[in-house]
C-alpha atoms as a PDB file:
ATOM      1  CA  UNK A   1      45.622  -4.237  45.156  1.00  0.00           C
ATOM      2  CA  UNK A   2      47.685  -5.092  41.898  1.00  0.00           C
ATOM      3  CA  UNK A   3      49.686  -2.612  39.710  1.00  0.00           C
ATOM      4  CA  UNK A   4      47.403  -2.604  37.110  1.00  0.00           C
ATOM      5  CA  UNK A   5      44.422  -2.121  39.012  1.00  0.00           C
ATOM      6  CA  UNK A   6      45.792   1.062  40.353  1.00  0.00           C
ATOM      7  CA  UNK A   7      47.639   2.590  37.589  1.00  0.00           C
ATOM      8  CA  UNK A   8      45.160   6.109  36.924  1.00  0.00           C
ATOM      9  CA  UNK A   9      42.641   6.392  34.211  1.00  0.00           C
ATOM     10  CA  UNK A  10      41.827   9.564  32.262  1.00  0.00           C
ATOM     11  CA  UNK A  11      38.742  11.591  33.275  1.00  0.00           C
ATOM     12  CA  UNK A  12      37.276  10.969  30.062  1.00  0.00           C
ATOM     13  CA  UNK A  13      36.956   7.327  30.182  1.00  0.00           C
ATOM     14  CA  UNK A  14      35.818   7.408  33.801  1.00  0.00           C
ATOM     15  CA  UNK A  15      33.503   9.514  33.023  1.00  0.00           C
ATOM     16  CA  UNK A  16      32.364   6.917  30.171  1.00  0.00           C
ATOM     17  CA  UNK A  17      32.258   3.841  33.246  1.00  0.00           C
ATOM     18  CA  UNK A  18      29.864   6.156  35.284  1.00  0.00           C
ATOM     19  CA  UNK A  19      27.603   6.537  33.025  1.00  0.00           C
ATOM     20  CA  UNK A  20      27.913   3.214  32.392  1.00  0.00           C
ATOM     21  CA  UNK A  21      27.425   2.168  35.844  1.00  0.00           C
ATOM     22  CA  UNK A  22      24.357   4.524  35.740  1.00  0.00           C
ATOM     23  CA  UNK A  23      23.006   2.527  32.626  1.00  0.00           C
ATOM     24  CA  UNK A  24      23.323  -0.536  34.164  1.00  0.00           C
ATOM     25  CA  UNK A  25      21.183  -0.287  36.951  1.00  0.00           C
ATOM     26  CA  UNK A  26      18.095  -0.533  35.220  1.00  0.00           C
ATOM     27  CA  UNK A  27      19.638  -1.526  31.415  1.00  0.00           C
ATOM     28  CA  UNK A  28      17.931  -3.202  28.832  1.00  0.00           C
ATOM     29  CA  UNK A  29      19.552  -6.426  27.527  1.00  0.00           C
ATOM     30  CA  UNK A  30      20.950  -4.697  24.555  1.00  0.00           C
ATOM     31  CA  UNK A  31      22.496  -1.834  26.799  1.00  0.00           C
ATOM     32  CA  UNK A  32      24.382  -4.987  28.636  1.00  0.00           C
ATOM     33  CA  UNK A  33      25.723  -6.209  25.322  1.00  0.00           C
ATOM     34  CA  UNK A  34      26.828  -3.011  24.296  1.00  0.00           C
ATOM     35  CA  UNK A  35      28.409  -2.289  27.503  1.00  0.00           C
ATOM     36  CA  UNK A  36      30.115  -5.141  26.788  1.00  0.00           C
ATOM     37  CA  UNK A  37      31.805  -4.160  23.856  1.00  0.00           C
ATOM     38  CA  UNK A  38      32.764  -1.415  25.301  1.00  0.00           C
ATOM     39  CA  UNK A  39      34.234  -2.630  28.521  1.00  0.00           C
ATOM     40  CA  UNK A  40      36.800  -5.505  26.269  1.00  0.00           C
ATOM     41  CA  UNK A  41      37.032  -3.130  23.629  1.00  0.00           C
ATOM     42  CA  UNK A  42      40.344  -1.610  25.439  1.00  0.00           C
ATOM     43  CA  UNK A  43      42.291  -2.279  28.772  1.00  0.00           C
ATOM     44  CA  UNK A  44      41.776   1.127  30.231  1.00  0.00           C
ATOM     45  CA  UNK A  45      37.916   0.379  30.408  1.00  0.00           C
ATOM     46  CA  UNK A  46      38.510  -2.376  32.125  1.00  0.00           C
ATOM     47  CA  UNK A  47      40.819  -1.144  34.554  1.00  0.00           C
ATOM     48  CA  UNK A  48      38.324   1.796  34.822  1.00  0.00           C
ATOM     49  CA  UNK A  49      35.378  -0.474  35.604  1.00  0.00           C
ATOM     50  CA  UNK A  50      37.358  -1.888  38.383  1.00  0.00           C
ATOM     51  CA  UNK A  51      38.679   1.278  40.233  1.00  0.00           C
ATOM     52  CA  UNK A  52      34.621   2.546  40.012  1.00  0.00           C
ATOM     53  CA  UNK A  53      34.078  -0.752  41.793  1.00  0.00           C
ATOM     54  CA  UNK A  54      36.571   0.655  44.507  1.00  0.00           C
ATOM     55  CA  UNK A  55      35.201   3.534  44.811  1.00  0.00           C
ATOM     56  CA  UNK A  56      31.730   2.254  45.356  1.00  0.00           C
ATOM     57  CA  UNK A  57      33.583   0.133  48.453  1.00  0.00           C
ATOM     58  CA  UNK A  58      35.323   3.579  49.826  1.00  0.00           C
ATOM     59  CA  UNK A  59      32.118   5.035  50.540  1.00  0.00           C
ATOM     60  CA  UNK A  60      29.988   2.169  50.912  1.00  0.00           C
ATOM     61  CA  UNK A  61      27.504   3.021  47.975  1.00  0.00           C
ATOM     62  CA  UNK A  62      24.279   0.988  47.836  1.00  0.00           C
ATOM     63  CA  UNK A  63      23.123  -0.380  44.694  1.00  0.00           C
ATOM     64  CA  UNK A  64      20.062   0.612  42.883  1.00  0.00           C
ATOM     65  CA  UNK A  65      19.038   4.763  43.001  1.00  0.00           C
ATOM     66  CA  UNK A  66      21.397   5.440  46.120  1.00  0.00           C
ATOM     67  CA  UNK A  67      24.095   4.597  43.691  1.00  0.00           C
ATOM     68  CA  UNK A  68      22.794   6.274  40.907  1.00  0.00           C
ATOM     69  CA  UNK A  69      21.819   9.798  42.841  1.00  0.00           C
ATOM     70  CA  UNK A  70      25.663   9.607  43.687  1.00  0.00           C
ATOM     71  CA  UNK A  71      27.025   8.907  40.532  1.00  0.00           C
ATOM     72  CA  UNK A  72      25.053  11.503  38.359  1.00  0.00           C
ATOM     73  CA  UNK A  73      28.025  13.387  37.670  1.00  0.00           C
ATOM     74  CA  UNK A  74      31.556  13.889  39.584  1.00  0.00           C
ATOM     75  CA  UNK A  75      29.835  17.234  40.828  1.00  0.00           C
ATOM     76  CA  UNK A  76      28.099  14.332  43.393  1.00  0.00           C
ATOM     77  CA  UNK A  77      31.108  12.659  44.325  1.00  0.00           C
ATOM     78  CA  UNK A  78      33.054  15.816  45.093  1.00  0.00           C
ATOM     79  CA  UNK A  79      30.263  16.925  47.250  1.00  0.00           C
ATOM     80  CA  UNK A  80      30.322  13.636  49.298  1.00  0.00           C
ATOM     81  CA  UNK A  81      33.639  14.399  49.685  1.00  0.00           C
ATOM     82  CA  UNK A  82      33.171  17.352  51.249  1.00  0.00           C
ATOM     83  CA  UNK A  83      30.447  16.283  53.571  1.00  0.00           C
ATOM     84  CA  UNK A  84      33.050  13.812  54.922  1.00  0.00           C
ATOM     85  CA  UNK A  85      34.172  16.704  57.534  1.00  0.00           C
ATOM     86  CA  UNK A  86      36.970  17.280  58.870  1.00  0.00           C
ATOM     87  CA  UNK A  87      37.949  14.292  61.144  1.00  0.00           C
ATOM     88  CA  UNK A  88      40.613  11.746  61.190  1.00  0.00           C
ATOM     89  CA  UNK A  89      38.114   9.440  59.478  1.00  0.00           C
ATOM     90  CA  UNK A  90      37.543  11.870  56.753  1.00  0.00           C
ATOM     91  CA  UNK A  91      41.271  13.126  56.230  1.00  0.00           C
ATOM     92  CA  UNK A  92      41.824   8.760  55.635  1.00  0.00           C
ATOM     93  CA  UNK A  93      39.167   8.547  52.950  1.00  0.00           C
ATOM     94  CA  UNK A  94      39.940  11.530  51.042  1.00  0.00           C
ATOM     95  CA  UNK A  95      43.512  10.586  51.312  1.00  0.00           C
ATOM     96  CA  UNK A  96      42.786   7.133  50.400  1.00  0.00           C
ATOM     97  CA  UNK A  97      40.367   8.433  47.181  1.00  0.00           C
ATOM     98  CA  UNK A  98      43.522  10.661  46.214  1.00  0.00           C
ATOM     99  CA  UNK A  99      45.473   7.355  45.637  1.00  0.00           C
ATOM    100  CA  UNK A 100      42.988   5.516  44.207  1.00  0.00           C
ATOM    101  CA  UNK A 101      42.259   8.884  41.571  1.00  0.00           C
ATOM    102  CA  UNK A 102      46.117   9.146  41.240  1.00  0.00           C
ATOM    103  CA  UNK A 103      48.409  12.444  40.753  1.00  0.00           C
ATOM    104  CA  UNK A 104      47.426  12.746  36.905  1.00  0.00           C
ATOM    105  CA  UNK A 105      44.033  11.684  36.606  1.00  0.00           C
ATOM    106  CA  UNK A 106      41.305  12.920  38.634  1.00  0.00           C
ATOM    107  CA  UNK A 107      43.226  14.989  41.578  1.00  0.00           C
ATOM    108  CA  UNK A 108      41.541  15.816  44.803  1.00  0.00           C
ATOM    109  CA  UNK A 109      42.962  19.069  44.230  1.00  0.00           C
ATOM    110  CA  UNK A 110      40.487  19.501  41.438  1.00  0.00           C
ATOM    111  CA  UNK A 111      37.543  19.050  43.588  1.00  0.00           C
ATOM    112  CA  UNK A 112      38.353  21.132  46.333  1.00  0.00           C
ATOM    113  CA  UNK A 113      40.197  23.745  44.851  1.00  0.00           C
ATOM    114  CA  UNK A 114      39.412  27.090  45.325  1.00  0.00           C
ATOM    115  CA  UNK A 115      37.334  27.752  41.614  1.00  0.00           C
ATOM    116  CA  UNK A 116      36.639  25.011  38.984  1.00  0.00           C
ATOM    117  CA  UNK A 117      34.578  24.119  36.067  1.00  0.00           C
ATOM    118  CA  UNK A 118      32.453  20.994  35.499  1.00  0.00           C
ATOM    119  CA  UNK A 119      32.931  19.298  31.822  1.00  0.00           C
ATOM    120  CA  UNK A 120      31.514  21.451  29.352  1.00  0.00           C
ATOM    121  CA  UNK A 121      31.658  24.694  31.585  1.00  0.00           C
ATOM    122  CA  UNK A 122      33.526  28.191  31.319  1.00  0.00           C
ATOM    123  CA  UNK A 123      33.128  30.933  33.749  1.00  0.00           C
ATOM    124  CA  UNK A 124      34.734  34.106  34.272  1.00  0.00           C
ATOM    125  CA  UNK A 125      35.948  35.080  37.768  1.00  0.00           C
ATOM    126  CA  UNK A 126      37.657  38.597  38.551  1.00  0.00           C
ATOM    127  CA  UNK A 127      40.305  38.237  41.503  1.00  0.00           C
ATOM    128  CA  UNK A 128      41.193  41.083  44.164  1.00  0.00           C
ATOM    129  CA  UNK A 129      43.482  43.005  42.000  1.00  0.00           C
ATOM    130  CA  UNK A 130      41.064  43.441  39.133  1.00  0.00           C
ATOM    131  CA  UNK A 131      43.001  40.364  37.234  1.00  0.00           C
ATOM    132  CA  UNK A 132      40.006  38.372  35.274  1.00  0.00           C
ATOM    133  CA  UNK A 133      40.518  34.593  34.869  1.00  0.00           C
ATOM    134  CA  UNK A 134      38.926  32.598  32.271  1.00  0.00           C
ATOM    135  CA  UNK A 135      38.407  28.838  33.579  1.00  0.00           C
ATOM    136  CA  UNK A 136      37.651  26.447  30.735  1.00  0.00           C
ATOM    137  CA  UNK A 137      35.998  23.092  30.432  1.00  0.00           C
ATOM    138  CA  UNK A 138      36.954  20.918  33.538  1.00  0.00           C
ATOM    139  CA  UNK A 139      39.338  23.285  34.897  1.00  0.00           C
ATOM    140  CA  UNK A 140      40.244  24.219  38.907  1.00  0.00           C
ATOM    141  CA  UNK A 141      42.946  26.921  40.291  1.00  0.00           C
ATOM    142  CA  UNK A 142      43.326  27.624  43.438  1.00  0.00           C
ATOM    143  CA  UNK A 143      43.845  31.814  44.692  1.00  0.00           C
ATOM    144  CA  UNK A 144      46.855  32.380  46.895  1.00  0.00           C
ATOM    145  CA  UNK A 145      47.473  35.856  47.478  1.00  0.00           C
ATOM    146  CA  UNK A 146      49.943  37.803  50.116  1.00  0.00           C
ATOM    147  CA  UNK A 147      51.326  40.535  50.597  1.00  0.00           C
ATOM    148  CA  UNK A 148      54.471  39.873  48.533  1.00  0.00           C
ATOM    149  CA  UNK A 149      53.108  37.891  45.629  1.00  0.00           C
ATOM    150  CA  UNK A 150      49.876  36.978  44.035  1.00  0.00           C
ATOM    151  CA  UNK A 151      50.006  33.586  43.277  1.00  0.00           C
ATOM    152  CA  UNK A 152      47.455  31.209  41.080  1.00  0.00           C
ATOM    153  CA  UNK A 153      47.979  27.394  41.327  1.00  0.00           C
ATOM    154  CA  UNK A 154      46.378  25.774  38.310  1.00  0.00           C
ATOM    155  CA  UNK A 155      45.040  22.140  39.293  1.00  0.00           C
ATOM    156  CA  UNK A 156      43.482  21.070  36.371  1.00  0.00           C
ATOM    157  CA  UNK A 157      42.545  22.299  32.452  1.00  0.00           C
ATOM    158  CA  UNK A 158      43.168  25.521  31.314  1.00  0.00           C
ATOM    159  CA  UNK A 159      42.675  29.007  31.941  1.00  0.00           C
ATOM    160  CA  UNK A 160      42.995  32.344  29.944  1.00  0.00           C
ATOM    161  CA  UNK A 161      44.441  34.857  32.498  1.00  0.00           C
ATOM    162  CA  UNK A 162      44.099  39.229  32.064  1.00  0.00           C
ATOM    163  CA  UNK A 163      46.465  40.705  35.112  1.00  0.00           C
ATOM    164  CA  UNK A 164      45.226  43.431  36.617  1.00  0.00           C
ATOM    165  CA  UNK A 165      47.113  46.962  36.500  1.00  0.00           C
ATOM    166  CA  UNK A 166      48.529  48.749  39.490  1.00  0.00           C
ATOM    167  CA  UNK A 167      49.748  46.018  41.692  1.00  0.00           C
ATOM    168  CA  UNK A 168      53.630  45.969  42.380  1.00  0.00           C
ATOM    169  CA  UNK A 169      53.531  42.305  43.359  1.00  0.00           C
ATOM    170  CA  UNK A 170      54.468  39.376  40.966  1.00  0.00           C
ATOM    171  CA  UNK A 171      52.011  37.191  39.554  1.00  0.00           C
ATOM    172  CA  UNK A 172      52.814  34.193  39.658  1.00  0.00           C
ATOM    173  CA  UNK A 173      51.174  31.314  37.779  1.00  0.00           C
ATOM    174  CA  UNK A 174      52.138  27.637  39.287  1.00  0.00           C
ATOM    175  CA  UNK A 175      51.440  24.297  38.055  1.00  0.00           C
ATOM    176  CA  UNK A 176      53.312  20.889  38.729  1.00  0.00           C
ATOM    177  CA  UNK A 177      55.531  21.568  36.026  1.00  0.00           C
ATOM    178  CA  UNK A 178      56.981  25.219  36.660  1.00  0.00           C
ATOM    179  CA  UNK A 179      56.133  28.617  37.390  1.00  0.00           C
ATOM    180  CA  UNK A 180      55.320  31.413  35.071  1.00  0.00           C
ATOM    181  CA  UNK A 181      55.808  35.217  36.046  1.00  0.00           C
ATOM    182  CA  UNK A 182      53.358  37.571  34.135  1.00  0.00           C
ATOM    183  CA  UNK A 183      54.802  40.738  32.810  1.00  0.00           C
ATOM    184  CA  UNK A 184      52.141  42.503  32.493  1.00  0.00           C
ATOM    185  CA  UNK A 185      50.177  40.362  30.015  1.00  0.00           C
ATOM    186  CA  UNK A 186      47.218  38.089  28.837  1.00  0.00           C
ATOM    187  CA  UNK A 187      48.663  34.711  28.394  1.00  0.00           C
ATOM    188  CA  UNK A 188      46.943  31.069  28.234  1.00  0.00           C
ATOM    189  CA  UNK A 189      47.988  28.376  30.581  1.00  0.00           C
ATOM    190  CA  UNK A 190      46.650  24.814  29.796  1.00  0.00           C
ATOM    191  CA  UNK A 191      47.835  21.071  31.734  1.00  0.00           C
ATOM    192  CA  UNK A 192      48.536  18.566  28.826  1.00  0.00           C
ATOM    193  CA  UNK A 193      49.917  14.924  29.506  1.00  0.00           C
ATOM    194  CA  UNK A 194      53.553  15.878  28.282  1.00  0.00           C
ATOM    195  CA  UNK A 195      53.319  19.065  30.529  1.00  0.00           C
ATOM    196  CA  UNK A 196      52.326  22.606  30.727  1.00  0.00           C
ATOM    197  CA  UNK A 197      51.343  24.839  27.467  1.00  0.00           C
ATOM    198  CA  UNK A 198      52.063  28.216  27.999  1.00  0.00           C
ATOM    199  CA  UNK A 199      50.612  31.056  25.260  1.00  0.00           C
ATOM    200  CA  UNK A 200      51.521  34.385  25.004  1.00  0.00           C
ATOM    201  CA  UNK A 201      48.542  36.943  23.739  1.00  0.00           C
ATOM    202  CA  UNK A 202      49.792  39.956  24.942  1.00  0.00           C
ATOM    203  CA  UNK A 203      53.057  41.592  26.071  1.00  0.00           C
ATOM    204  CA  UNK A 204      55.567  38.735  27.994  1.00  0.00           C
ATOM    205  CA  UNK A 205      55.445  35.949  30.765  1.00  0.00           C
ATOM    206  CA  UNK A 206      58.859  34.285  32.058  1.00  0.00           C
ATOM    207  CA  UNK A 207      58.635  30.713  32.433  1.00  0.00           C
ATOM    208  CA  UNK A 208      60.909  28.753  34.867  1.00  0.00           C
ATOM    209  CA  UNK A 209      60.590  24.845  35.062  1.00  0.00           C
ATOM    210  CA  UNK A 210      60.138  23.000  38.581  1.00  0.00           C
ATOM    211  CA  UNK A 211      63.385  21.403  38.720  1.00  0.00           C
ATOM    212  CA  UNK A 212      65.840  23.387  36.587  1.00  0.00           C
ATOM    213  CA  UNK A 213      67.073  26.372  37.268  1.00  0.00           C
ATOM    214  CA  UNK A 214      66.676  27.532  33.278  1.00  0.00           C
ATOM    215  CA  UNK A 215      64.285  30.466  32.865  1.00  0.00           C
ATOM    216  CA  UNK A 216      63.068  31.819  29.048  1.00  0.00           C
ATOM    217  CA  UNK A 217      60.939  35.047  28.407  1.00  0.00           C
ATOM    218  CA  UNK A 218      58.150  34.298  25.918  1.00  0.00           C
ATOM    219  CA  UNK A 219      56.980  37.225  24.070  1.00  0.00           C
ATOM    220  CA  UNK A 220      53.512  37.953  22.210  1.00  0.00           C
ATOM    221  CA  UNK A 221      52.659  35.415  19.674  1.00  0.00           C
ATOM    222  CA  UNK A 222      54.467  32.710  21.117  1.00  0.00           C
ATOM    223  CA  UNK A 223      54.015  29.310  23.214  1.00  0.00           C
ATOM    224  CA  UNK A 224      55.955  26.355  24.780  1.00  0.00           C
ATOM    225  CA  UNK A 225      55.767  23.446  26.229  1.00  0.00           C
ATOM    226  CA  UNK A 226      57.047  23.311  30.220  1.00  0.00           C
ATOM    227  CA  UNK A 227      58.106  20.162  32.043  1.00  0.00           C
ATOM    228  CA  UNK A 228      59.142  19.776  35.377  1.00  0.00           C
ATOM    229  CA  UNK A 229      62.576  19.259  34.257  1.00  0.00           C
ATOM    230  CA  UNK A 230      63.214  22.029  31.274  1.00  0.00           C
ATOM    231  CA  UNK A 231      61.619  24.233  28.626  1.00  0.00           C
ATOM    232  CA  UNK A 232      60.541  22.974  25.452  1.00  0.00           C
ATOM    233  CA  UNK A 233      61.313  25.310  21.579  1.00  0.00           C
ATOM    234  CA  UNK A 234      59.293  28.234  21.422  1.00  0.00           C
ATOM    235  CA  UNK A 235      56.772  28.045  18.444  1.00  0.00           C
ATOM    236  CA  UNK A 236      54.631  29.949  17.088  1.00  0.00           C
ATOM    237  CA  UNK A 237      50.984  30.673  18.478  1.00  0.00           C
ATOM    238  CA  UNK A 238      48.033  28.395  17.405  1.00  0.00           C
ATOM    239  CA  UNK A 239      45.579  29.639  15.568  1.00  0.00           C
ATOM    240  CA  UNK A 240      42.790  30.465  17.690  1.00  0.00           C
ATOM    241  CA  UNK A 241      44.559  29.559  20.771  1.00  0.00           C
ATOM    242  CA  UNK A 242      42.246  31.553  22.585  1.00  0.00           C
ATOM    243  CA  UNK A 243      38.970  30.793  20.465  1.00  0.00           C
ATOM    244  CA  UNK A 244      37.548  28.495  23.202  1.00  0.00           C
ATOM    245  CA  UNK A 245      36.912  32.038  25.299  1.00  0.00           C
ATOM    246  CA  UNK A 246      34.121  32.662  22.461  1.00  0.00           C
ATOM    247  CA  UNK A 247      32.966  29.369  22.428  1.00  0.00           C
ATOM    248  CA  UNK A 248      34.731  27.975  19.303  1.00  0.00           C
ATOM    249  CA  UNK A 249      37.242  25.365  18.499  1.00  0.00           C
ATOM    250  CA  UNK A 250      39.696  26.986  15.900  1.00  0.00           C
ATOM    251  CA  UNK A 251      42.257  24.509  13.781  1.00  0.00           C
ATOM    252  CA  UNK A 252      44.314  24.454  10.697  1.00  0.00           C
ATOM    253  CA  UNK A 253      44.979  21.176   8.980  1.00  0.00           C
ATOM    254  CA  UNK A 254      44.434  19.280  12.272  1.00  0.00           C
ATOM    255  CA  UNK A 255      44.678  15.590  12.222  1.00  0.00           C
ATOM    256  CA  UNK A 256      41.125  14.460  12.991  1.00  0.00           C
ATOM    257  CA  UNK A 257      42.390  12.323  15.949  1.00  0.00           C
ATOM    258  CA  UNK A 258      43.200  15.190  17.523  1.00  0.00           C
ATOM    259  CA  UNK A 259      39.928  17.607  16.899  1.00  0.00           C
ATOM    260  CA  UNK A 260      37.659  14.866  18.326  1.00  0.00           C
ATOM    261  CA  UNK A 261      40.224  14.318  21.757  1.00  0.00           C
ATOM    262  CA  UNK A 262      39.705  18.335  21.759  1.00  0.00           C
ATOM    263  CA  UNK A 263      35.932  18.227  21.402  1.00  0.00           C
ATOM    264  CA  UNK A 264      36.051  14.945  23.868  1.00  0.00           C
ATOM    265  CA  UNK A 265      36.969  17.481  26.737  1.00  0.00           C
ATOM    266  CA  UNK A 266      33.661  19.340  26.688  1.00  0.00           C
ATOM    267  CA  UNK A 267      31.402  16.603  26.648  1.00  0.00           C
ATOM    268  CA  UNK A 268      30.571  13.533  29.132  1.00  0.00           C
ATOM    269  CA  UNK A 269      31.292   9.873  28.095  1.00  0.00           C
ATOM    270  CA  UNK A 270      33.519   8.879  26.025  1.00  0.00           C
ATOM    271  CA  UNK A 271      34.384  10.096  22.626  1.00  0.00           C
ATOM    272  CA  UNK A 272      36.782   8.336  20.072  1.00  0.00           C
ATOM    273  CA  UNK A 273      37.790   8.018  16.300  1.00  0.00           C
ATOM    274  CA  UNK A 274      38.189   4.683  13.957  1.00  0.00           C
ATOM    275  CA  UNK A 275      41.993   4.463  13.365  1.00  0.00           C
ATOM    276  CA  UNK A 276      41.532   4.123   9.909  1.00  0.00           C
ATOM    277  CA  UNK A 277      40.040   7.713   9.571  1.00  0.00           C
ATOM    278  CA  UNK A 278      42.397   9.030  13.047  1.00  0.00           C
ATOM    279  CA  UNK A 279      44.917  10.639  10.379  1.00  0.00           C
ATOM    280  CA  UNK A 280      42.709  12.919   8.213  1.00  0.00           C
ATOM    281  CA  UNK A 281      43.353  16.435   8.352  1.00  0.00           C
ATOM    282  CA  UNK A 282      40.489  19.041   8.891  1.00  0.00           C
ATOM    283  CA  UNK A 283      40.402  22.881   8.685  1.00  0.00           C
ATOM    284  CA  UNK A 284      37.595  25.038  10.564  1.00  0.00           C
ATOM    285  CA  UNK A 285      36.043  26.315  13.787  1.00  0.00           C
ATOM    286  CA  UNK A 286      33.898  24.259  15.904  1.00  0.00           C
ATOM    287  CA  UNK A 287      31.181  25.257  18.515  1.00  0.00           C
ATOM    288  CA  UNK A 288      31.645  24.110  21.963  1.00  0.00           C
ATOM    289  CA  UNK A 289      28.876  24.247  23.397  1.00  0.00           C
ATOM    290  CA  UNK A 290      27.300  22.288  20.900  1.00  0.00           C
ATOM    291  CA  UNK A 291      29.027  19.147  20.595  1.00  0.00           C
ATOM    292  CA  UNK A 292      27.387  16.883  18.819  1.00  0.00           C
ATOM    293  CA  UNK A 293      26.477  19.592  16.183  1.00  0.00           C
ATOM    294  CA  UNK A 294      30.867  20.197  16.149  1.00  0.00           C
ATOM    295  CA  UNK A 295      30.819  16.090  14.952  1.00  0.00           C
ATOM    296  CA  UNK A 296      28.133  16.780  12.336  1.00  0.00           C
ATOM    297  CA  UNK A 297      30.012  19.782  11.067  1.00  0.00           C
ATOM    298  CA  UNK A 298      32.325  17.272   9.970  1.00  0.00           C
ATOM    299  CA  UNK A 299      30.065  15.339   7.668  1.00  0.00           C
ATOM    300  CA  UNK A 300      30.161  17.492   4.237  1.00  0.00           C
ATOM    301  CA  UNK A 301      34.096  17.616   4.305  1.00  0.00           C
ATOM    302  CA  UNK A 302      35.340  14.169   5.570  1.00  0.00           C
ATOM    303  CA  UNK A 303      34.063  10.678   4.635  1.00  0.00           C
ATOM    304  CA  UNK A 304      33.266   9.905   8.122  1.00  0.00           C
ATOM    305  CA  UNK A 305      30.044   8.869  10.343  1.00  0.00           C
ATOM    306  CA  UNK A 306      28.980   9.255  13.737  1.00  0.00           C
ATOM    307  CA  UNK A 307      27.827   6.446  15.511  1.00  0.00           C
ATOM    308  CA  UNK A 308      25.830   6.617  18.635  1.00  0.00           C
ATOM    309  CA  UNK A 309      26.172   3.389  20.441  1.00  0.00           C
ATOM    310  CA  UNK A 310      24.756   5.067  23.699  1.00  0.00           C
ATOM    311  CA  UNK A 311      24.456   8.860  24.741  1.00  0.00           C
ATOM    312  CA  UNK A 312      27.578   8.639  26.478  1.00  0.00           C
ATOM    313  CA  UNK A 313      29.607   6.723  24.120  1.00  0.00           C
ATOM    314  CA  UNK A 314      30.520   8.047  20.130  1.00  0.00           C
ATOM    315  CA  UNK A 315      33.101   6.993  17.989  1.00  0.00           C
ATOM    316  CA  UNK A 316      33.707   8.834  14.383  1.00  0.00           C
ATOM    317  CA  UNK A 317      34.128   6.231  11.919  1.00  0.00           C
ATOM    318  CA  UNK A 318      34.534   5.846   8.108  1.00  0.00           C
ATOM    319  CA  UNK A 319      31.756   6.418   6.332  1.00  0.00           C
ATOM    320  CA  UNK A 320      30.136   2.813   5.004  1.00  0.00           C
ATOM    321  CA  UNK A 321      28.235   3.271   1.396  1.00  0.00           C
ATOM    322  CA  UNK A 322      24.278   3.344   1.989  1.00  0.00           C
ATOM    323  CA  UNK A 323      22.856  -0.221   0.724  1.00  0.00           C
ATOM    324  CA  UNK A 324      20.512  -0.203  -2.282  1.00  0.00           C
END
């Protein structure tokens, strides 16, 4: 495998590749033409397609209906991984899949986590100590309680935590970038490309990076990006940071590209924005349970149109004048 092929791809692009593979099993010439355009549009698309082929080979997936049944969703892949069993051959296969997926994107830890949500799904769980955890879209956590501490490991995505009361054990949230110690509080933890974002809604949280001795206490209304080698500056909490727990996305003077990227976390397939409109600014509230409606809400206020190339490939583009 060459270095270009082995470089990880984003979950969103891999979802789109899976959708295309399903579509092409019985696709029309028009769909094959659209796929060719998608494949050529970006190097990451071609890389995702190659890596998806590697996944087929690893699991000896037959073509046609059998392959489609497996690739209908990432949950199908997860079930396949779990059915491999606990023998040595299974360990080798799962380890190979982990190397294929990469540490940052689609980690095996997500598939095997104690609790996880699919794309577009949100769920609330209650732990033994009374703590409530809201899992956002495509999120995964492991829970490790013992007699010394209460530990939650965020493997992927975003969570909102309301810690339980009356338990003297420290409550710790861990990511690959660092540790966050709750000080009787309500807070958000989100895995991002640059690190882990901690946002404190009530009380305070002590943040400690993975590879640095420094520690910083964040108070209510503050947020910070935690990297493994250090802590970013403390800044004011974003407007509506926890609005997703109520099914809404709230933005204030956000770049259109950033808004579309966030909406894309809640829907399968590839959602993009054309470069000529990426820097447009928008303020508003958008429903997360119906992302098509959220995209339609852009039309009255911005000079854009929504282009549906396929069900799984949608682009927010510049509005074109209607022909007379």
